[in-house]
């Protein structure tokens, strides 16, 4: 009887020994696989970490600015119709130069050649140097570029002409008063016999008014504010202009801006038909 008990105990110990060896072998395999996994993860993460360090050396915003340039340029090309001249009509009492500068830079980035900024008090016209400084600052912050592709130039008076991207600050003086002045100049020219009264027509008046601004008529006016009025904005030049209203220029986002461009791209201008 005792012999059977000893044999049974020996078999149990022998089985436990095999189990111990199997467990040790299993743990070794798992540990080896863990080390391999760690090495594989390290191989993947080290290049990322190095590139991140290089990215930090270039500046924290360099990558973002590059992505913005690519995205905004692609957005402009994706539109079926892109306005040549966009005017920003600010129908609000409080003006924020940074937000206006952002809108101007976005226009530049998507490929719009002419941008005009209008407020009823002529504040931007009187302070165009301040607005220009803010535009250049936001251009650097948002795009990180000083290239001629994104160059910006103000037209400050009626004698300047320019062939590339232009920003012009407008005021009520560029509206009805300019029409009155053009009519007065024609009358004086007839009085001095420099022109004949028979030569005066709507096309001549339109030519004089166009020469006074040196920029094409706005294709799109983005009006900011709750006031349902153009506030005397270029009444002669907006016969074929599309108006899109936005609640405010304060904290306006690129998404709001591009959404307005998409609305313009899909609108159908019947031109009296």
C-alpha atoms as a PDB file:
ATOM      1  CA  UNK A   1       0.000   0.000   0.000  1.00  0.00           C
ATOM      2  CA  UNK A   2       2.767   2.446   0.980  1.00  0.00           C
ATOM      3  CA  UNK A   3       4.539   1.655  -2.253  1.00  0.00           C
ATOM      4  CA  UNK A   4       1.516   2.829  -4.198  1.00  0.00           C
ATOM      5  CA  UNK A   5       1.359   6.047  -2.185  1.00  0.00           C
ATOM      6  CA  UNK A   6       5.085   6.756  -2.782  1.00  0.00           C
ATOM      7  CA  UNK A   7       4.655   6.113  -6.485  1.00  0.00           C
ATOM      8  CA  UNK A   8       1.640   8.446  -6.616  1.00  0.00           C
ATOM      9  CA  UNK A   9       3.530  11.235  -4.805  1.00  0.00           C
ATOM     10  CA  UNK A  10       6.548  10.758  -7.063  1.00  0.00           C
ATOM     11  CA  UNK A  11       4.371  11.061 -10.171  1.00  0.00           C
ATOM     12  CA  UNK A  12       2.805  14.289  -8.795  1.00  0.00           C
ATOM     13  CA  UNK A  13       6.225  15.792  -8.092  1.00  0.00           C
ATOM     14  CA  UNK A  14       7.413  14.738 -11.527  1.00  0.00           C
ATOM     15  CA  UNK A  15       4.361  16.418 -13.114  1.00  0.00           C
ATOM     16  CA  UNK A  16       4.979  19.587 -11.084  1.00  0.00           C
ATOM     17  CA  UNK A  17       8.575  19.627 -12.243  1.00  0.00           C
ATOM     18  CA  UNK A  18       7.483  19.453 -15.895  1.00  0.00           C
ATOM     19  CA  UNK A  19       4.938  22.193 -15.232  1.00  0.00           C
ATOM     20  CA  UNK A  20       7.644  24.373 -13.682  1.00  0.00           C
ATOM     21  CA  UNK A  21       9.900  23.891 -16.692  1.00  0.00           C
ATOM     22  CA  UNK A  22       7.032  24.667 -19.057  1.00  0.00           C
ATOM     23  CA  UNK A  23       6.176  27.863 -17.152  1.00  0.00           C
ATOM     24  CA  UNK A  24       9.821  28.992 -17.136  1.00  0.00           C
ATOM     25  CA  UNK A  25      10.060  28.373 -20.877  1.00  0.00           C
ATOM     26  CA  UNK A  26       6.806  30.277 -21.489  1.00  0.00           C
ATOM     27  CA  UNK A  27       7.961  33.276 -19.438  1.00  0.00           C
ATOM     28  CA  UNK A  28      11.258  33.342 -21.313  1.00  0.00           C
ATOM     29  CA  UNK A  29       9.434  33.401 -24.644  1.00  0.00           C
ATOM     30  CA  UNK A  30       7.107  36.184 -23.465  1.00  0.00           C
ATOM     31  CA  UNK A  31      10.036  38.182 -22.104  1.00  0.00           C
ATOM     32  CA  UNK A  32      11.882  37.782 -25.404  1.00  0.00           C
ATOM     33  CA  UNK A  33       8.810  38.880 -27.352  1.00  0.00           C
ATOM     34  CA  UNK A  34       8.388  41.848 -25.009  1.00  0.00           C
ATOM     35  CA  UNK A  35      11.948  42.929 -25.652  1.00  0.00           C
ATOM     36  CA  UNK A  36      11.433  42.542 -29.391  1.00  0.00           C
ATOM     37  CA  UNK A  37       8.226  44.572 -29.138  1.00  0.00           C
ATOM     38  CA  UNK A  38       9.987  47.311 -27.206  1.00  0.00           C
ATOM     39  CA  UNK A  39      12.746  47.429 -29.792  1.00  0.00           C
ATOM     40  CA  UNK A  40      10.187  47.631 -32.612  1.00  0.00           C
ATOM     41  CA  UNK A  41       8.305  50.440 -30.878  1.00  0.00           C
ATOM     42  CA  UNK A  42      11.565  52.265 -30.234  1.00  0.00           C
ATOM     43  CA  UNK A  43      12.515  51.899 -33.890  1.00  0.00           C
ATOM     44  CA  UNK A  44       9.244  53.518 -34.851  1.00  0.00           C
ATOM     45  CA  UNK A  45       9.181  56.262 -32.241  1.00  0.00           C
ATOM     46  CA  UNK A  46      12.797  57.409 -32.326  1.00  0.00           C
ATOM     47  CA  UNK A  47      12.546  58.923 -35.861  1.00  0.00           C
ATOM     48  CA  UNK A  48       9.319  60.641 -34.823  1.00  0.00           C
ATOM     49  CA  UNK A  49      11.003  62.049 -31.726  1.00  0.00           C
ATOM     50  CA  UNK A  50      13.966  63.233 -33.758  1.00  0.00           C
ATOM     51  CA  UNK A  51      11.723  64.893 -36.311  1.00  0.00           C
ATOM     52  CA  UNK A  52       9.779  66.538 -33.493  1.00  0.00           C
ATOM     53  CA  UNK A  53      13.044  67.909 -32.085  1.00  0.00           C
ATOM     54  CA  UNK A  54      13.977  69.225 -35.514  1.00  0.00           C
ATOM     55  CA  UNK A  55      10.504  70.699 -35.814  1.00  0.00           C
ATOM     56  CA  UNK A  56      10.983  72.492 -32.486  1.00  0.00           C
ATOM     57  CA  UNK A  57      14.309  73.874 -33.687  1.00  0.00           C
ATOM     58  CA  UNK A  58      12.569  75.352 -36.710  1.00  0.00           C
ATOM     59  CA  UNK A  59       9.948  76.988 -34.498  1.00  0.00           C
ATOM     60  CA  UNK A  60       6.698  75.759 -32.946  1.00  0.00           C
ATOM     61  CA  UNK A  61       4.495  77.262 -35.652  1.00  0.00           C
ATOM     62  CA  UNK A  62       6.556  76.476 -38.762  1.00  0.00           C
ATOM     63  CA  UNK A  63       4.710  73.255 -39.525  1.00  0.00           C
ATOM     64  CA  UNK A  64       1.306  74.807 -38.930  1.00  0.00           C
ATOM     65  CA  UNK A  65       2.081  77.739 -41.219  1.00  0.00           C
ATOM     66  CA  UNK A  66       3.220  75.393 -43.962  1.00  0.00           C
ATOM     67  CA  UNK A  67       0.025  73.368 -43.655  1.00  0.00           C
ATOM     68  CA  UNK A  68      -2.047  76.540 -43.724  1.00  0.00           C
ATOM     69  CA  UNK A  69      -0.399  77.743 -46.924  1.00  0.00           C
ATOM     70  CA  UNK A  70      -1.038  74.417 -48.620  1.00  0.00           C
ATOM     71  CA  UNK A  71      -4.608  74.155 -47.364  1.00  0.00           C
ATOM     72  CA  UNK A  72      -5.644  77.733 -48.137  1.00  0.00           C
ATOM     73  CA  UNK A  73      -4.040  77.653 -51.577  1.00  0.00           C
ATOM     74  CA  UNK A  74      -5.844  74.391 -52.341  1.00  0.00           C
ATOM     75  CA  UNK A  75      -9.113  75.870 -51.061  1.00  0.00           C
ATOM     76  CA  UNK A  76      -8.843  78.763 -53.506  1.00  0.00           C
ATOM     77  CA  UNK A  77      -8.172  76.428 -56.427  1.00  0.00           C
ATOM     78  CA  UNK A  78     -11.079  74.185 -55.461  1.00  0.00           C
ATOM     79  CA  UNK A  79     -13.651  76.948 -55.952  1.00  0.00           C
ATOM     80  CA  UNK A  80     -15.504  77.037 -59.231  1.00  0.00           C
ATOM     81  CA  UNK A  81     -15.418  80.830 -59.181  1.00  0.00           C
ATOM     82  CA  UNK A  82     -13.011  83.042 -57.223  1.00  0.00           C
ATOM     83  CA  UNK A  83     -13.631  86.795 -56.902  1.00  0.00           C
ATOM     84  CA  UNK A  84     -10.954  89.100 -58.269  1.00  0.00           C
ATOM     85  CA  UNK A  85     -11.848  91.874 -55.819  1.00  0.00           C
ATOM     86  CA  UNK A  86     -13.321  91.319 -52.355  1.00  0.00           C
ATOM     87  CA  UNK A  87     -14.411  94.264 -50.266  1.00  0.00           C
ATOM     88  CA  UNK A  88     -14.793  94.120 -46.497  1.00  0.00           C
ATOM     89  CA  UNK A  89     -17.614  96.425 -45.394  1.00  0.00           C
ATOM     90  CA  UNK A  90     -17.558  96.932 -41.631  1.00  0.00           C
ATOM     91  CA  UNK A  91     -20.958  98.068 -40.351  1.00  0.00           C
ATOM     92  CA  UNK A  92     -19.981  97.942 -36.694  1.00  0.00           C
ATOM     93  CA  UNK A  93     -18.981 100.645 -34.223  1.00  0.00           C
ATOM     94  CA  UNK A  94     -15.991  98.821 -32.737  1.00  0.00           C
ATOM     95  CA  UNK A  95     -13.203  98.032 -35.195  1.00  0.00           C
ATOM     96  CA  UNK A  96     -10.588  95.326 -34.635  1.00  0.00           C
ATOM     97  CA  UNK A  97      -7.486  95.687 -36.760  1.00  0.00           C
ATOM     98  CA  UNK A  98      -6.219  92.150 -36.137  1.00  0.00           C
ATOM     99  CA  UNK A  99      -9.450  90.533 -37.324  1.00  0.00           C
ATOM    100  CA  UNK A 100      -9.498  92.708 -40.453  1.00  0.00           C
ATOM    101  CA  UNK A 101      -5.843  91.861 -41.088  1.00  0.00           C
ATOM    102  CA  UNK A 102      -6.652  88.150 -40.801  1.00  0.00           C
ATOM    103  CA  UNK A 103      -9.367  88.510 -43.437  1.00  0.00           C
ATOM    104  CA  UNK A 104      -6.979  90.343 -45.765  1.00  0.00           C
ATOM    105  CA  UNK A 105      -4.300  87.643 -45.343  1.00  0.00           C
ATOM    106  CA  UNK A 106      -6.848  84.890 -46.004  1.00  0.00           C
ATOM    107  CA  UNK A 107      -7.868  86.679 -49.201  1.00  0.00           C
ATOM    108  CA  UNK A 108      -4.251  86.806 -50.262  1.00  0.00           C
ATOM    109  CA  UNK A 109      -3.664  83.146 -49.409  1.00  0.00           C
ATOM    110  CA  UNK A 110      -6.577  81.815 -51.485  1.00  0.00           C
ATOM    111  CA  UNK A 111      -5.537  83.918 -54.498  1.00  0.00           C
ATOM    112  CA  UNK A 112      -7.696  87.066 -54.403  1.00  0.00           C
ATOM    113  CA  UNK A 113      -5.820  89.958 -56.025  1.00  0.00           C
ATOM    114  CA  UNK A 114      -7.676  93.015 -54.704  1.00  0.00           C
ATOM    115  CA  UNK A 115      -9.019  93.648 -51.222  1.00  0.00           C
ATOM    116  CA  UNK A 116     -10.675  96.858 -50.087  1.00  0.00           C
ATOM    117  CA  UNK A 117     -11.662  97.757 -46.546  1.00  0.00           C
ATOM    118  CA  UNK A 118     -14.527 100.182 -45.903  1.00  0.00           C
ATOM    119  CA  UNK A 119     -16.045 101.711 -42.808  1.00  0.00           C
ATOM    120  CA  UNK A 120     -18.577 104.523 -42.638  1.00  0.00           C
ATOM    121  CA  UNK A 121     -16.366 106.759 -40.499  1.00  0.00           C
ATOM    122  CA  UNK A 122     -13.283 106.468 -42.703  1.00  0.00           C
ATOM    123  CA  UNK A 123     -11.217 105.233 -39.737  1.00  0.00           C
ATOM    124  CA  UNK A 124      -9.255 102.695 -41.768  1.00  0.00           C
ATOM    125  CA  UNK A 125      -8.590 105.322 -44.433  1.00  0.00           C
ATOM    126  CA  UNK A 126      -7.145 107.714 -41.862  1.00  0.00           C
ATOM    127  CA  UNK A 127      -5.159 104.973 -40.124  1.00  0.00           C
ATOM    128  CA  UNK A 128      -4.067 102.890 -43.105  1.00  0.00           C
ATOM    129  CA  UNK A 129      -0.465 102.713 -41.869  1.00  0.00           C
ATOM    130  CA  UNK A 130      -1.646 101.025 -38.684  1.00  0.00           C
ATOM    131  CA  UNK A 131      -3.767  98.609 -40.693  1.00  0.00           C
ATOM    132  CA  UNK A 132      -0.832  97.918 -43.012  1.00  0.00           C
ATOM    133  CA  UNK A 133       1.436  97.121 -40.068  1.00  0.00           C
ATOM    134  CA  UNK A 134      -1.144  94.706 -38.670  1.00  0.00           C
ATOM    135  CA  UNK A 135      -1.568  93.028 -42.062  1.00  0.00           C
ATOM    136  CA  UNK A 136       2.180  92.486 -42.382  1.00  0.00           C
ATOM    137  CA  UNK A 137       2.320  91.119 -38.830  1.00  0.00           C
ATOM    138  CA  UNK A 138      -0.524  88.682 -39.424  1.00  0.00           C
ATOM    139  CA  UNK A 139       0.955  87.729 -42.784  1.00  0.00           C
ATOM    140  CA  UNK A 140       4.115  86.630 -41.005  1.00  0.00           C
ATOM    141  CA  UNK A 141       2.231  84.919 -38.161  1.00  0.00           C
ATOM    142  CA  UNK A 142      -0.213  83.044 -40.391  1.00  0.00           C
ATOM    143  CA  UNK A 143       1.881  82.357 -43.480  1.00  0.00           C
ATOM    144  CA  UNK A 144       5.463  82.862 -42.369  1.00  0.00           C
ATOM    145  CA  UNK A 145       6.323  84.335 -45.769  1.00  0.00           C
ATOM    146  CA  UNK A 146       7.837  87.510 -47.122  1.00  0.00           C
ATOM    147  CA  UNK A 147       7.789  86.373 -50.739  1.00  0.00           C
ATOM    148  CA  UNK A 148       6.412  88.547 -53.536  1.00  0.00           C
ATOM    149  CA  UNK A 149       3.696  85.972 -54.107  1.00  0.00           C
ATOM    150  CA  UNK A 150       2.033  87.228 -50.939  1.00  0.00           C
ATOM    151  CA  UNK A 151       3.210  90.829 -51.106  1.00  0.00           C
ATOM    152  CA  UNK A 152       0.700  93.485 -50.181  1.00  0.00           C
ATOM    153  CA  UNK A 153       0.638  97.156 -51.067  1.00  0.00           C
ATOM    154  CA  UNK A 154      -1.651  99.986 -50.091  1.00  0.00           C
ATOM    155  CA  UNK A 155      -3.047 102.439 -52.601  1.00  0.00           C
ATOM    156  CA  UNK A 156      -3.172 105.639 -50.618  1.00  0.00           C
ATOM    157  CA  UNK A 157      -4.082 108.180 -53.279  1.00  0.00           C
ATOM    158  CA  UNK A 158      -5.662 108.416 -56.690  1.00  0.00           C
ATOM    159  CA  UNK A 159      -2.402 108.663 -58.625  1.00  0.00           C
ATOM    160  CA  UNK A 160      -1.088 105.234 -57.737  1.00  0.00           C
ATOM    161  CA  UNK A 161      -1.415 102.219 -59.996  1.00  0.00           C
ATOM    162  CA  UNK A 162      -0.299  98.718 -59.268  1.00  0.00           C
ATOM    163  CA  UNK A 163      -0.208  95.346 -61.007  1.00  0.00           C
ATOM    164  CA  UNK A 164      -0.230  92.760 -58.193  1.00  0.00           C
ATOM    165  CA  UNK A 165      -2.039  92.122 -54.898  1.00  0.00           C
ATOM    166  CA  UNK A 166      -3.491  95.329 -53.567  1.00  0.00           C
ATOM    167  CA  UNK A 167      -5.190  96.499 -50.405  1.00  0.00           C
ATOM    168  CA  UNK A 168      -7.104  99.756 -50.478  1.00  0.00           C
ATOM    169  CA  UNK A 169      -8.801 101.503 -47.575  1.00  0.00           C
ATOM    170  CA  UNK A 170     -12.042 103.173 -48.652  1.00  0.00           C
ATOM    171  CA  UNK A 171     -14.280 105.722 -46.973  1.00  0.00           C
ATOM    172  CA  UNK A 172     -17.575 107.492 -47.759  1.00  0.00           C
ATOM    173  CA  UNK A 173     -15.526 110.035 -49.736  1.00  0.00           C
ATOM    174  CA  UNK A 174     -15.080 107.322 -52.379  1.00  0.00           C
ATOM    175  CA  UNK A 175     -18.856 106.942 -52.753  1.00  0.00           C
ATOM    176  CA  UNK A 176     -21.381 109.624 -53.703  1.00  0.00           C
ATOM    177  CA  UNK A 177     -18.906 112.520 -53.330  1.00  0.00           C
ATOM    178  CA  UNK A 178     -16.688 110.928 -56.001  1.00  0.00           C
ATOM    179  CA  UNK A 179     -19.654 110.808 -58.401  1.00  0.00           C
ATOM    180  CA  UNK A 180     -20.433 114.448 -57.686  1.00  0.00           C
ATOM    181  CA  UNK A 181     -16.819 115.428 -58.218  1.00  0.00           C
ATOM    182  CA  UNK A 182     -16.648 113.500 -61.514  1.00  0.00           C
ATOM    183  CA  UNK A 183     -19.781 115.311 -62.725  1.00  0.00           C
ATOM    184  CA  UNK A 184     -18.334 118.669 -61.688  1.00  0.00           C
ATOM    185  CA  UNK A 185     -15.074 117.933 -63.495  1.00  0.00           C
ATOM    186  CA  UNK A 186     -17.013 117.107 -66.679  1.00  0.00           C
ATOM    187  CA  UNK A 187     -18.992 120.331 -66.405  1.00  0.00           C
ATOM    188  CA  UNK A 188     -15.813 122.366 -65.980  1.00  0.00           C
ATOM    189  CA  UNK A 189     -14.265 120.583 -68.970  1.00  0.00           C
ATOM    190  CA  UNK A 190     -17.322 121.552 -71.096  1.00  0.00           C
ATOM    191  CA  UNK A 191     -17.176 125.113 -69.758  1.00  0.00           C
ATOM    192  CA  UNK A 192     -13.520 125.354 -70.745  1.00  0.00           C
ATOM    193  CA  UNK A 193     -14.385 123.718 -74.066  1.00  0.00           C
ATOM    194  CA  UNK A 194     -11.991 120.839 -73.354  1.00  0.00           C
ATOM    195  CA  UNK A 195     -14.931 118.514 -73.957  1.00  0.00           C
ATOM    196  CA  UNK A 196     -18.164 118.744 -75.826  1.00  0.00           C
ATOM    197  CA  UNK A 197     -21.467 118.239 -74.028  1.00  0.00           C
ATOM    198  CA  UNK A 198     -22.381 115.762 -76.769  1.00  0.00           C
ATOM    199  CA  UNK A 199     -19.433 113.584 -75.779  1.00  0.00           C
ATOM    200  CA  UNK A 200     -20.606 113.189 -72.191  1.00  0.00           C
ATOM    201  CA  UNK A 201     -22.392 109.917 -71.534  1.00  0.00           C
ATOM    202  CA  UNK A 202     -22.575 107.192 -68.940  1.00  0.00           C
ATOM    203  CA  UNK A 203     -19.502 105.429 -70.330  1.00  0.00           C
ATOM    204  CA  UNK A 204     -17.355 108.539 -69.930  1.00  0.00           C
ATOM    205  CA  UNK A 205     -18.529 109.006 -66.339  1.00  0.00           C
ATOM    206  CA  UNK A 206     -17.836 105.361 -65.619  1.00  0.00           C
ATOM    207  CA  UNK A 207     -14.336 105.668 -67.069  1.00  0.00           C
ATOM    208  CA  UNK A 208     -13.579 108.663 -64.836  1.00  0.00           C
ATOM    209  CA  UNK A 209     -14.844 106.855 -61.751  1.00  0.00           C
ATOM    210  CA  UNK A 210     -12.823 103.753 -62.524  1.00  0.00           C
ATOM    211  CA  UNK A 211      -9.679 105.840 -62.995  1.00  0.00           C
ATOM    212  CA  UNK A 212     -10.253 107.361 -59.568  1.00  0.00           C
ATOM    213  CA  UNK A 213      -9.906 104.007 -57.785  1.00  0.00           C
ATOM    214  CA  UNK A 214      -7.496 102.103 -60.087  1.00  0.00           C
ATOM    215  CA  UNK A 215      -9.005  98.793 -58.977  1.00  0.00           C
ATOM    216  CA  UNK A 216     -11.778  96.726 -60.577  1.00  0.00           C
ATOM    217  CA  UNK A 217     -15.298  96.812 -59.213  1.00  0.00           C
ATOM    218  CA  UNK A 218     -15.784  94.457 -56.268  1.00  0.00           C
ATOM    219  CA  UNK A 219     -17.112  91.047 -57.226  1.00  0.00           C
ATOM    220  CA  UNK A 220     -17.989  90.248 -53.624  1.00  0.00           C
ATOM    221  CA  UNK A 221     -18.712  92.407 -50.590  1.00  0.00           C
ATOM    222  CA  UNK A 222     -18.520  90.751 -47.191  1.00  0.00           C
ATOM    223  CA  UNK A 223     -20.637  92.921 -44.917  1.00  0.00           C
ATOM    224  CA  UNK A 224     -20.027  92.570 -41.194  1.00  0.00           C
ATOM    225  CA  UNK A 225     -22.574  93.745 -38.656  1.00  0.00           C
ATOM    226  CA  UNK A 226     -26.319  93.895 -38.004  1.00  0.00           C
ATOM    227  CA  UNK A 227     -26.969  97.053 -40.056  1.00  0.00           C
ATOM    228  CA  UNK A 228     -28.898  96.290 -43.259  1.00  0.00           C
ATOM    229  CA  UNK A 229     -27.299  99.053 -45.307  1.00  0.00           C
ATOM    230  CA  UNK A 230     -24.341  99.592 -47.590  1.00  0.00           C
ATOM    231  CA  UNK A 231     -23.542 102.791 -45.644  1.00  0.00           C
ATOM    232  CA  UNK A 232     -22.751 104.734 -48.804  1.00  0.00           C
ATOM    233  CA  UNK A 233     -20.271 102.188 -50.126  1.00  0.00           C
ATOM    234  CA  UNK A 234     -19.328 102.835 -53.778  1.00  0.00           C
ATOM    235  CA  UNK A 235     -22.886 103.107 -55.184  1.00  0.00           C
ATOM    236  CA  UNK A 236     -21.628 103.277 -58.788  1.00  0.00           C
ATOM    237  CA  UNK A 237     -19.337 100.255 -58.572  1.00  0.00           C
ATOM    238  CA  UNK A 238     -21.613  97.643 -56.993  1.00  0.00           C
ATOM    239  CA  UNK A 239     -24.262  97.143 -59.667  1.00  0.00           C
ATOM    240  CA  UNK A 240     -23.096  93.576 -60.291  1.00  0.00           C
ATOM    241  CA  UNK A 241     -21.598  92.919 -56.864  1.00  0.00           C
ATOM    242  CA  UNK A 242     -22.677  89.976 -54.726  1.00  0.00           C
ATOM    243  CA  UNK A 243     -23.308  90.855 -51.061  1.00  0.00           C
ATOM    244  CA  UNK A 244     -22.921  88.271 -48.292  1.00  0.00           C
ATOM    245  CA  UNK A 245     -23.624  89.272 -44.697  1.00  0.00           C
ATOM    246  CA  UNK A 246     -21.794  87.917 -41.656  1.00  0.00           C
ATOM    247  CA  UNK A 247     -22.733  88.700 -38.030  1.00  0.00           C
ATOM    248  CA  UNK A 248     -19.448  90.352 -37.024  1.00  0.00           C
ATOM    249  CA  UNK A 249     -15.826  90.695 -38.021  1.00  0.00           C
ATOM    250  CA  UNK A 250     -14.786  90.196 -34.390  1.00  0.00           C
ATOM    251  CA  UNK A 251     -13.212  86.752 -33.922  1.00  0.00           C
ATOM    252  CA  UNK A 252     -14.310  85.731 -37.411  1.00  0.00           C
ATOM    253  CA  UNK A 253     -12.865  82.344 -38.368  1.00  0.00           C
ATOM    254  CA  UNK A 254     -11.329  81.109 -41.595  1.00  0.00           C
ATOM    255  CA  UNK A 255     -14.192  78.628 -41.862  1.00  0.00           C
ATOM    256  CA  UNK A 256     -16.696  81.523 -41.844  1.00  0.00           C
ATOM    257  CA  UNK A 257     -14.677  83.319 -44.493  1.00  0.00           C
ATOM    258  CA  UNK A 258     -14.296  80.297 -46.765  1.00  0.00           C
ATOM    259  CA  UNK A 259     -17.969  79.405 -46.353  1.00  0.00           C
ATOM    260  CA  UNK A 260     -18.817  82.857 -47.748  1.00  0.00           C
ATOM    261  CA  UNK A 261     -16.479  82.255 -50.700  1.00  0.00           C
ATOM    262  CA  UNK A 262     -18.209  78.938 -51.398  1.00  0.00           C
ATOM    263  CA  UNK A 263     -21.591  80.680 -51.360  1.00  0.00           C
ATOM    264  CA  UNK A 264     -20.266  83.217 -53.854  1.00  0.00           C
ATOM    265  CA  UNK A 265     -18.827  80.461 -56.071  1.00  0.00           C
ATOM    266  CA  UNK A 266     -22.237  78.800 -56.373  1.00  0.00           C
ATOM    267  CA  UNK A 267     -24.329  81.939 -56.877  1.00  0.00           C
ATOM    268  CA  UNK A 268     -25.705  82.671 -60.338  1.00  0.00           C
ATOM    269  CA  UNK A 269     -25.441  86.275 -61.500  1.00  0.00           C
ATOM    270  CA  UNK A 270     -28.149  86.867 -64.053  1.00  0.00           C
ATOM    271  CA  UNK A 271     -27.091  90.474 -64.754  1.00  0.00           C
ATOM    272  CA  UNK A 272     -30.611  91.686 -65.428  1.00  0.00           C
ATOM    273  CA  UNK A 273     -31.750  88.582 -67.364  1.00  0.00           C
END
